[in-house]
């Protein structure tokens, strides 16, 4: 089932010991995605090392993480069986693109 407000799959994110795994709905398909706790710390400016802390950080920025993942998916040339992984550079690219959009809207 899909949450109509966010377009995200109705599956809980989970910690595999190295990264948070989650599923994103994109073009009527469930797409596996992943993000490291280091990137989550960058996004939230919060401490998140333990499982519970990492999942709380993810929940706090899930909408932003999903927007970044959707941007990566739109730029993909071909489908891939590998999860869409969010890296620090993806966050920087998303921030730059958001700033440009805001500047154009003014």
N, C-alpha and C. Protein backbone atom coordinates (compact mmCIF):
# COMPACT_ATOMS: atom_id res chain seq x y z
N UNK A 1 0.84 -1.17 0.00
CA UNK A 1 0.00 0.00 0.00
C UNK A 1 0.89 1.24 0.00
N UNK A 2 0.42 2.31 -0.60
CA UNK A 2 1.21 3.53 -0.72
C UNK A 2 0.56 4.67 0.04
N UNK A 3 1.36 5.44 0.74
CA UNK A 3 0.89 6.64 1.41
C UNK A 3 0.69 7.71 0.34
N UNK A 4 -0.54 8.12 0.11
CA UNK A 4 -0.83 9.05 -0.98
C UNK A 4 -0.23 10.42 -0.77
N UNK A 5 0.04 10.81 0.49
CA UNK A 5 0.63 12.12 0.74
C UNK A 5 2.09 12.18 0.32
N UNK A 6 2.85 11.10 0.56
CA UNK A 6 4.28 11.15 0.26
C UNK A 6 4.66 10.32 -0.94
N UNK A 7 3.79 9.42 -1.37
CA UNK A 7 4.14 8.53 -2.47
C UNK A 7 5.09 7.44 -2.01
N UNK A 8 5.28 7.27 -0.72
CA UNK A 8 6.21 6.29 -0.23
C UNK A 8 5.48 4.98 0.05
N UNK A 9 6.20 3.90 -0.11
CA UNK A 9 5.61 2.59 0.14
C UNK A 9 5.32 2.45 1.62
N UNK A 10 4.28 1.70 1.93
CA UNK A 10 3.87 1.50 3.31
C UNK A 10 4.69 0.37 3.93
N UNK A 11 5.99 0.53 3.94
CA UNK A 11 6.88 -0.43 4.59
C UNK A 11 7.83 0.36 5.47
N UNK A 12 8.10 -0.20 6.62
CA UNK A 12 8.97 0.49 7.57
C UNK A 12 10.42 0.44 7.10
N UNK A 13 11.13 1.50 7.40
CA UNK A 13 12.56 1.52 7.14
C UNK A 13 13.21 0.57 8.14
N UNK A 14 14.34 0.00 7.75
CA UNK A 14 15.03 -0.90 8.67
C UNK A 14 16.53 -0.67 8.61
N UNK A 15 17.19 -0.93 9.70
CA UNK A 15 18.63 -0.77 9.86
C UNK A 15 19.27 -2.13 9.66
N UNK A 16 20.23 -2.24 8.75
CA UNK A 16 20.90 -3.53 8.53
C UNK A 16 22.28 -3.59 9.19
N UNK A 17 22.58 -2.61 10.01
CA UNK A 17 23.87 -2.57 10.68
C UNK A 17 24.88 -1.65 10.01
N UNK A 18 24.61 -1.28 8.75
CA UNK A 18 25.49 -0.38 8.00
C UNK A 18 24.74 0.79 7.40
N UNK A 19 23.46 0.60 7.11
CA UNK A 19 22.67 1.63 6.42
C UNK A 19 21.20 1.41 6.71
N UNK A 20 20.41 2.45 6.44
CA UNK A 20 18.96 2.34 6.56
C UNK A 20 18.44 1.94 5.18
N UNK A 21 17.66 0.89 5.16
CA UNK A 21 17.03 0.42 3.92
C UNK A 21 15.56 0.81 3.95
N UNK A 22 15.08 1.31 2.82
CA UNK A 22 13.67 1.68 2.72
C UNK A 22 13.21 1.48 1.29
N UNK A 23 11.91 1.49 1.10
CA UNK A 23 11.33 1.28 -0.22
C UNK A 23 10.59 2.54 -0.63
N UNK A 24 10.78 2.94 -1.87
CA UNK A 24 10.17 4.14 -2.41
C UNK A 24 9.31 3.75 -3.61
N UNK A 25 8.13 4.30 -3.72
CA UNK A 25 7.28 4.08 -4.90
C UNK A 25 7.68 5.09 -5.97
N UNK A 26 8.01 4.60 -7.15
CA UNK A 26 8.39 5.47 -8.26
C UNK A 26 7.89 4.85 -9.55
N UNK A 27 7.09 5.60 -10.31
CA UNK A 27 6.52 5.09 -11.56
C UNK A 27 5.84 3.73 -11.36
N UNK A 28 5.03 3.65 -10.30
CA UNK A 28 4.24 2.46 -9.97
C UNK A 28 5.10 1.24 -9.65
N UNK A 29 6.35 1.45 -9.27
CA UNK A 29 7.22 0.35 -8.88
C UNK A 29 7.82 0.62 -7.51
N UNK A 30 8.00 -0.45 -6.77
CA UNK A 30 8.69 -0.35 -5.47
C UNK A 30 10.19 -0.41 -5.74
N UNK A 31 10.90 0.64 -5.34
CA UNK A 31 12.33 0.74 -5.60
C UNK A 31 13.08 0.68 -4.27
N UNK A 32 13.99 -0.29 -4.11
CA UNK A 32 14.77 -0.34 -2.88
C UNK A 32 15.77 0.81 -2.82
N UNK A 33 15.93 1.40 -1.64
CA UNK A 33 16.84 2.53 -1.45
C UNK A 33 17.61 2.33 -0.15
N UNK A 34 18.72 3.08 -0.03
CA UNK A 34 19.55 2.99 1.17
C UNK A 34 20.21 4.33 1.45
N UNK A 35 20.48 4.58 2.73
CA UNK A 35 21.20 5.78 3.14
C UNK A 35 22.02 5.43 4.37
N UNK A 36 23.22 5.97 4.44
CA UNK A 36 24.11 5.67 5.57
C UNK A 36 23.79 6.57 6.75
N UNK A 37 24.19 6.15 7.95
CA UNK A 37 23.98 7.01 9.11
C UNK A 37 24.81 8.29 9.03
N UNK A 38 25.94 8.24 8.36
CA UNK A 38 26.75 9.45 8.20
C UNK A 38 26.02 10.52 7.44
N UNK A 39 25.34 10.14 6.38
CA UNK A 39 24.56 11.10 5.59
C UNK A 39 23.38 11.60 6.41
N UNK A 40 22.77 10.72 7.18
CA UNK A 40 21.66 11.15 8.05
C UNK A 40 22.14 12.17 9.07
N UNK A 41 23.34 11.97 9.61
CA UNK A 41 23.89 12.95 10.57
C UNK A 41 24.08 14.30 9.89
N UNK A 42 24.52 14.29 8.63
CA UNK A 42 24.67 15.55 7.89
C UNK A 42 23.34 16.25 7.72
N UNK A 43 22.31 15.49 7.39
CA UNK A 43 20.99 16.07 7.14
C UNK A 43 20.32 16.59 8.40
N UNK A 44 20.51 15.90 9.51
CA UNK A 44 19.79 16.25 10.73
C UNK A 44 20.63 17.05 11.71
N UNK A 45 21.94 17.04 11.56
CA UNK A 45 22.85 17.66 12.53
C UNK A 45 22.62 17.10 13.92
N UNK A 46 22.23 15.84 13.97
CA UNK A 46 21.96 15.16 15.26
C UNK A 46 22.86 13.95 15.38
N UNK A 47 23.06 13.56 16.60
CA UNK A 47 23.80 12.34 16.89
C UNK A 47 22.91 11.14 16.54
N UNK A 48 23.44 10.23 15.75
CA UNK A 48 22.68 9.01 15.47
C UNK A 48 23.66 7.87 15.20
N UNK A 49 23.90 7.09 16.24
CA UNK A 49 24.83 5.97 16.13
C UNK A 49 24.14 4.64 16.42
N UNK A 50 23.29 4.63 17.44
CA UNK A 50 22.57 3.40 17.79
C UNK A 50 21.40 3.20 16.85
N UNK A 51 20.93 1.98 16.75
CA UNK A 51 19.83 1.63 15.83
C UNK A 51 18.64 2.57 15.99
N UNK A 52 18.20 2.78 17.23
CA UNK A 52 17.03 3.61 17.46
C UNK A 52 17.27 5.05 17.03
N UNK A 53 18.47 5.56 17.31
CA UNK A 53 18.82 6.93 16.94
C UNK A 53 18.86 7.09 15.42
N UNK A 54 19.43 6.11 14.76
CA UNK A 54 19.52 6.17 13.29
C UNK A 54 18.13 6.18 12.67
N UNK A 55 17.25 5.32 13.15
CA UNK A 55 15.89 5.27 12.60
C UNK A 55 15.10 6.54 12.92
N UNK A 56 15.34 7.14 14.09
CA UNK A 56 14.68 8.40 14.42
C UNK A 56 15.18 9.52 13.50
N UNK A 57 16.48 9.55 13.24
CA UNK A 57 17.03 10.55 12.32
C UNK A 57 16.43 10.37 10.93
N UNK A 58 16.33 9.11 10.49
CA UNK A 58 15.75 8.84 9.17
C UNK A 58 14.31 9.32 9.11
N UNK A 59 13.53 9.01 10.13
CA UNK A 59 12.13 9.42 10.15
C UNK A 59 12.00 10.94 10.08
N UNK A 60 12.90 11.64 10.76
CA UNK A 60 12.84 13.11 10.78
C UNK A 60 13.07 13.74 9.41
N UNK A 61 13.84 13.08 8.56
CA UNK A 61 14.16 13.66 7.24
C UNK A 61 13.70 12.78 6.08
N UNK A 62 12.79 11.86 6.34
CA UNK A 62 12.38 10.90 5.31
C UNK A 62 11.87 11.60 4.04
N UNK A 63 11.06 12.63 4.18
CA UNK A 63 10.52 13.31 2.99
C UNK A 63 11.65 13.88 2.14
N UNK A 64 12.64 14.48 2.78
CA UNK A 64 13.78 15.04 2.04
C UNK A 64 14.60 13.93 1.40
N UNK A 65 14.83 12.83 2.11
CA UNK A 65 15.59 11.70 1.58
C UNK A 65 14.86 11.11 0.37
N UNK A 66 13.54 10.98 0.47
CA UNK A 66 12.78 10.43 -0.65
C UNK A 66 12.82 11.37 -1.86
N UNK A 67 12.80 12.66 -1.63
CA UNK A 67 12.91 13.62 -2.75
C UNK A 67 14.26 13.48 -3.44
N UNK A 68 15.31 13.30 -2.66
CA UNK A 68 16.65 13.11 -3.23
C UNK A 68 16.68 11.82 -4.04
N UNK A 69 16.12 10.75 -3.49
CA UNK A 69 16.10 9.45 -4.20
C UNK A 69 15.31 9.55 -5.50
N UNK A 70 14.17 10.24 -5.46
CA UNK A 70 13.37 10.40 -6.69
C UNK A 70 14.14 11.17 -7.75
N UNK A 71 14.90 12.18 -7.34
CA UNK A 71 15.74 12.92 -8.28
C UNK A 71 16.77 12.01 -8.93
N UNK A 72 17.38 11.14 -8.14
CA UNK A 72 18.36 10.19 -8.69
C UNK A 72 17.68 9.23 -9.67
N UNK A 73 16.50 8.77 -9.31
CA UNK A 73 15.77 7.84 -10.18
C UNK A 73 15.41 8.48 -11.52
N UNK A 74 15.06 9.74 -11.51
CA UNK A 74 14.70 10.43 -12.74
C UNK A 74 15.90 10.58 -13.67
N UNK A 75 17.10 10.60 -13.09
CA UNK A 75 18.31 10.74 -13.91
C UNK A 75 18.87 9.40 -14.37
N UNK A 76 18.36 8.30 -13.84
CA UNK A 76 18.87 6.97 -14.22
C UNK A 76 18.52 6.67 -15.67
N UNK A 77 19.46 6.07 -16.37
CA UNK A 77 19.24 5.71 -17.77
C UNK A 77 18.49 4.39 -17.88
N UNK A 78 18.87 3.43 -17.06
CA UNK A 78 18.24 2.11 -17.12
C UNK A 78 17.96 1.62 -15.70
N UNK A 79 16.95 0.77 -15.55
CA UNK A 79 16.66 0.21 -14.23
C UNK A 79 17.86 -0.59 -13.71
N UNK A 80 17.99 -0.62 -12.41
CA UNK A 80 19.09 -1.35 -11.80
C UNK A 80 18.56 -2.19 -10.65
N UNK A 81 19.10 -3.39 -10.48
CA UNK A 81 18.65 -4.23 -9.36
C UNK A 81 19.22 -3.77 -8.02
N UNK A 82 20.20 -2.89 -8.06
CA UNK A 82 20.84 -2.39 -6.84
C UNK A 82 19.98 -1.29 -6.21
N UNK A 83 20.05 -1.17 -4.89
CA UNK A 83 19.31 -0.08 -4.23
C UNK A 83 19.83 1.28 -4.68
N UNK A 84 18.94 2.25 -4.70
CA UNK A 84 19.35 3.64 -4.92
C UNK A 84 19.98 4.08 -3.60
N UNK A 85 21.25 4.39 -3.64
CA UNK A 85 21.96 4.78 -2.43
C UNK A 85 22.14 6.29 -2.41
N UNK A 86 21.79 6.90 -1.29
CA UNK A 86 21.93 8.34 -1.11
C UNK A 86 23.30 8.61 -0.50
N UNK A 87 24.11 9.39 -1.20
CA UNK A 87 25.45 9.76 -0.75
C UNK A 87 25.48 11.24 -0.37
N UNK A 88 26.54 11.66 0.28
CA UNK A 88 26.70 13.08 0.66
C UNK A 88 26.60 13.99 -0.54
N UNK A 89 27.19 13.58 -1.66
CA UNK A 89 27.15 14.43 -2.86
C UNK A 89 25.73 14.58 -3.39
N UNK A 90 24.89 13.58 -3.19
CA UNK A 90 23.49 13.68 -3.61
C UNK A 90 22.77 14.74 -2.79
N UNK A 91 23.09 14.81 -1.51
CA UNK A 91 22.48 15.82 -0.64
C UNK A 91 22.93 17.20 -1.09
N UNK A 92 24.22 17.35 -1.40
CA UNK A 92 24.74 18.64 -1.87
C UNK A 92 24.07 19.04 -3.18
N UNK A 93 23.95 18.08 -4.13
CA UNK A 93 23.31 18.37 -5.41
C UNK A 93 21.86 18.78 -5.22
N UNK A 94 21.15 18.09 -4.32
CA UNK A 94 19.75 18.41 -4.04
C UNK A 94 19.63 19.81 -3.45
N UNK A 95 20.53 20.14 -2.52
CA UNK A 95 20.51 21.47 -1.91
C UNK A 95 20.77 22.55 -2.93
N UNK A 96 21.71 22.31 -3.84
CA UNK A 96 22.02 23.30 -4.87
C UNK A 96 20.83 23.47 -5.82
N UNK A 97 20.20 22.36 -6.19
CA UNK A 97 19.05 22.43 -7.09
C UNK A 97 17.88 23.15 -6.42
N UNK A 98 17.68 22.91 -5.13
CA UNK A 98 16.60 23.58 -4.40
C UNK A 98 16.85 25.07 -4.32
N UNK A 99 18.10 25.46 -4.09
CA UNK A 99 18.44 26.88 -4.02
C UNK A 99 18.20 27.57 -5.35
N UNK A 100 18.55 26.90 -6.45
CA UNK A 100 18.33 27.46 -7.79
C UNK A 100 16.84 27.63 -8.04
N UNK A 101 16.04 26.65 -7.65
CA UNK A 101 14.59 26.72 -7.86
C UNK A 101 14.00 27.88 -7.08
N UNK A 102 14.45 28.06 -5.84
CA UNK A 102 13.94 29.17 -5.03
C UNK A 102 14.33 30.51 -5.65
N UNK A 103 15.54 30.60 -6.17
CA UNK A 103 16.00 31.85 -6.81
C UNK A 103 15.19 32.18 -8.04
N UNK A 104 14.82 31.17 -8.82
CA UNK A 104 14.02 31.40 -10.02
C UNK A 104 12.59 31.81 -9.69
N UNK A 105 12.08 31.34 -8.55
CA UNK A 105 10.70 31.64 -8.17
C UNK A 105 10.55 33.07 -7.65
N UNK A 106 11.65 33.69 -7.28
CA UNK A 106 11.57 35.05 -6.72
C UNK A 106 11.43 36.10 -7.78
